[in-house]
Amino acid sequence: MAAALAACGGGGEPAAGTPNELAAKACEEASTSRLDGKLYELDMAALAASMADAPNGEKYLTAPIVIEPGLTSEVKQIVECTVRFSDAKPAPDVVGFRFNW
């Protein structure tokens, strides 16, 4: 099953985009890897806009996610994601991630 996203994603190199967009993309990929192919809706614009400073130079992002939207098994949660940028590569590393009920 493919993920249903609330924002368009373009495939391709992650090097393009603002730091907020790059961080949101890294968090979205972390979400996908944890959902075992389940459908979900994640507002990428809201996730990117939420980026704030966290301890140790990291960045914290959060946004609502709906897992299996429209199904009887639908669940609404909050994605909480922490990333760290490095000069060595354009895309940040996800250093903390959780779904908050």
C-alpha atoms as a PDB file:
ATOM      1  CA  MET A   1       0.000   0.000   0.000  1.00  0.00           C
ATOM      2  CA  ALA A   2       1.199   3.504  -0.703  1.00  0.00           C
ATOM      3  CA  ALA A   3       1.039   6.437   1.659  1.00  0.00           C
ATOM      4  CA  ALA A   4      -1.552   9.101   0.980  1.00  0.00           C
ATOM      5  CA  LEU A   5       0.039  12.461   1.657  1.00  0.00           C
ATOM      6  CA  ALA A   6      -1.693  15.763   2.248  1.00  0.00           C
ATOM      7  CA  ALA A   7       1.058  17.585   0.367  1.00  0.00           C
ATOM      8  CA  CYS A   8       2.674  16.750  -2.943  1.00  0.00           C
ATOM      9  CA  GLY A   9       6.030  15.172  -2.795  1.00  0.00           C
ATOM     10  CA  GLY A  10       8.295  15.285  -5.753  1.00  0.00           C
ATOM     11  CA  GLY A  11      10.679  12.309  -5.621  1.00  0.00           C
ATOM     12  CA  GLY A  12      14.259  12.959  -6.463  1.00  0.00           C
ATOM     13  CA  GLU A  13      17.227  14.312  -4.604  1.00  0.00           C
ATOM     14  CA  PRO A  14      16.560  15.593  -1.088  1.00  0.00           C
ATOM     15  CA  ALA A  15      19.125  18.357  -1.640  1.00  0.00           C
ATOM     16  CA  ALA A  16      16.496  20.794  -2.953  1.00  0.00           C
ATOM     17  CA  GLY A  17      14.303  22.694  -0.538  1.00  0.00           C
ATOM     18  CA  THR A  18      14.445  24.830   2.565  1.00  0.00           C
ATOM     19  CA  PRO A  19      15.837  23.440   5.821  1.00  0.00           C
ATOM     20  CA  ASN A  20      12.244  23.162   7.080  1.00  0.00           C
ATOM     21  CA  GLU A  21      11.212  21.146   4.010  1.00  0.00           C
ATOM     22  CA  LEU A  22      14.261  18.894   4.263  1.00  0.00           C
ATOM     23  CA  ALA A  23      13.565  18.236   7.945  1.00  0.00           C
ATOM     24  CA  ALA A  24       9.881  17.523   7.256  1.00  0.00           C
ATOM     25  CA  LYS A  25      10.830  15.094   4.475  1.00  0.00           C
ATOM     26  CA  ALA A  26      13.215  13.231   6.794  1.00  0.00           C
ATOM     27  CA  CYS A  27      10.456  12.976   9.416  1.00  0.00           C
ATOM     28  CA  GLU A  28       7.944  11.823   6.792  1.00  0.00           C
ATOM     29  CA  GLU A  29      10.350   9.075   5.715  1.00  0.00           C
ATOM     30  CA  ALA A  30      10.713   8.029   9.364  1.00  0.00           C
ATOM     31  CA  SER A  31       6.907   7.846   9.623  1.00  0.00           C
ATOM     32  CA  THR A  32       6.666   5.697   6.502  1.00  0.00           C
ATOM     33  CA  SER A  33       9.311   3.289   7.765  1.00  0.00           C
ATOM     34  CA  ARG A  34       7.385   2.762  11.010  1.00  0.00           C
ATOM     35  CA  LEU A  35       3.918   2.252   9.518  1.00  0.00           C
ATOM     36  CA  ASP A  36       4.545  -1.040   7.699  1.00  0.00           C
ATOM     37  CA  GLY A  37       2.795   0.012   4.479  1.00  0.00           C
ATOM     38  CA  LYS A  38      -0.329   1.454   6.125  1.00  0.00           C
ATOM     39  CA  LEU A  39      -2.058   4.396   4.456  1.00  0.00           C
ATOM     40  CA  TYR A  40      -1.697   7.731   6.226  1.00  0.00           C
ATOM     41  CA  GLU A  41      -2.221  11.465   5.848  1.00  0.00           C
ATOM     42  CA  LEU A  42       0.457  13.840   7.082  1.00  0.00           C
ATOM     43  CA  ASP A  43       0.339  17.587   6.452  1.00  0.00           C
ATOM     44  CA  MET A  44       3.876  18.231   5.246  1.00  0.00           C
ATOM     45  CA  ALA A  45       3.416  22.018   5.208  1.00  0.00           C
ATOM     46  CA  ALA A  46       2.335  21.988   8.873  1.00  0.00           C
ATOM     47  CA  LEU A  47       5.210  19.678   9.768  1.00  0.00           C
ATOM     48  CA  ALA A  48       7.741  21.946   8.042  1.00  0.00           C
ATOM     49  CA  ALA A  49       6.232  25.091   9.590  1.00  0.00           C
ATOM     50  CA  SER A  50       6.480  23.593  13.080  1.00  0.00           C
ATOM     51  CA  MET A  51      10.288  23.345  13.051  1.00  0.00           C
ATOM     52  CA  ALA A  52      11.741  24.845  16.217  1.00  0.00           C
ATOM     53  CA  ASP A  53      15.078  24.785  18.001  1.00  0.00           C
ATOM     54  CA  ALA A  54      15.725  21.843  20.315  1.00  0.00           C
ATOM     55  CA  PRO A  55      18.666  21.160  22.657  1.00  0.00           C
ATOM     56  CA  ASN A  56      22.159  20.511  21.250  1.00  0.00           C
ATOM     57  CA  GLY A  57      21.499  22.330  17.980  1.00  0.00           C
ATOM     58  CA  GLU A  58      18.815  19.871  16.923  1.00  0.00           C
ATOM     59  CA  LYS A  59      15.441  20.796  15.418  1.00  0.00           C
ATOM     60  CA  TYR A  60      12.046  19.591  16.645  1.00  0.00           C
ATOM     61  CA  LEU A  61       9.022  19.121  14.352  1.00  0.00           C
ATOM     62  CA  THR A  62       5.484  18.042  15.160  1.00  0.00           C
ATOM     63  CA  ALA A  63       2.207  17.652  13.256  1.00  0.00           C
ATOM     64  CA  PRO A  64      -0.959  15.548  13.298  1.00  0.00           C
ATOM     65  CA  ILE A  65      -1.017  12.279  11.376  1.00  0.00           C
ATOM     66  CA  VAL A  66      -4.058  10.166  10.486  1.00  0.00           C
ATOM     67  CA  ILE A  67      -3.224   6.492  10.090  1.00  0.00           C
ATOM     68  CA  GLU A  68      -5.577   4.439   7.895  1.00  0.00           C
ATOM     69  CA  PRO A  69      -7.875   7.430   7.169  1.00  0.00           C
ATOM     70  CA  GLY A  70     -11.515   6.594   6.496  1.00  0.00           C
ATOM     71  CA  LEU A  71     -11.192   3.003   7.691  1.00  0.00           C
ATOM     72  CA  THR A  72     -12.691   1.554  10.861  1.00  0.00           C
ATOM     73  CA  SER A  73      -9.117   1.215  12.105  1.00  0.00           C
ATOM     74  CA  GLU A  74      -8.419   4.979  11.630  1.00  0.00           C
ATOM     75  CA  VAL A  75      -6.146   6.422  14.313  1.00  0.00           C
ATOM     76  CA  LYS A  76      -5.203  10.072  14.873  1.00  0.00           C
ATOM     77  CA  GLN A  77      -1.838  10.727  16.461  1.00  0.00           C
ATOM     78  CA  ILE A  78       0.857  13.376  16.616  1.00  0.00           C
ATOM     79  CA  VAL A  79       4.249  12.907  14.972  1.00  0.00           C
ATOM     80  CA  GLU A  80       7.096  14.182  17.146  1.00  0.00           C
ATOM     81  CA  CYS A  81      10.413  14.207  15.326  1.00  0.00           C
ATOM     82  CA  THR A  82      13.868  15.557  16.135  1.00  0.00           C
ATOM     83  CA  VAL A  83      16.485  16.028  13.418  1.00  0.00           C
ATOM     84  CA  ARG A  84      20.109  17.089  13.296  1.00  0.00           C
ATOM     85  CA  PHE A  85      21.644  18.908  10.337  1.00  0.00           C
ATOM     86  CA  SER A  86      25.271  18.331   9.369  1.00  0.00           C
ATOM     87  CA  ASP A  87      27.560  20.247   7.035  1.00  0.00           C
ATOM     88  CA  ALA A  88      28.646  16.893   5.599  1.00  0.00           C
ATOM     89  CA  LYS A  89      25.327  16.242   3.845  1.00  0.00           C
ATOM     90  CA  PRO A  90      22.254  18.217   2.753  1.00  0.00           C
ATOM     91  CA  ALA A  91      19.540  16.069   4.369  1.00  0.00           C
ATOM     92  CA  PRO A  92      19.254  15.953   8.163  1.00  0.00           C
ATOM     93  CA  ASP A  93      19.414  12.792  10.260  1.00  0.00           C
ATOM     94  CA  VAL A  94      16.388  11.816  12.345  1.00  0.00           C
ATOM     95  CA  VAL A  95      17.726  11.457  15.899  1.00  0.00           C
ATOM     96  CA  GLY A  96      14.394  11.124  17.709  1.00  0.00           C
ATOM     97  CA  PHE A  97      10.944  10.028  16.602  1.00  0.00           C
ATOM     98  CA  ARG A  98       7.655   8.948  18.146  1.00  0.00           C
ATOM     99  CA  PHE A  99       3.929   8.817  17.579  1.00  0.00           C
ATOM    100  CA  ASN A 100       2.170  10.524  20.473  1.00  0.00           C
ATOM    101  CA  TRP A 101      -1.372   9.326  21.158  1.00  0.00           C
END
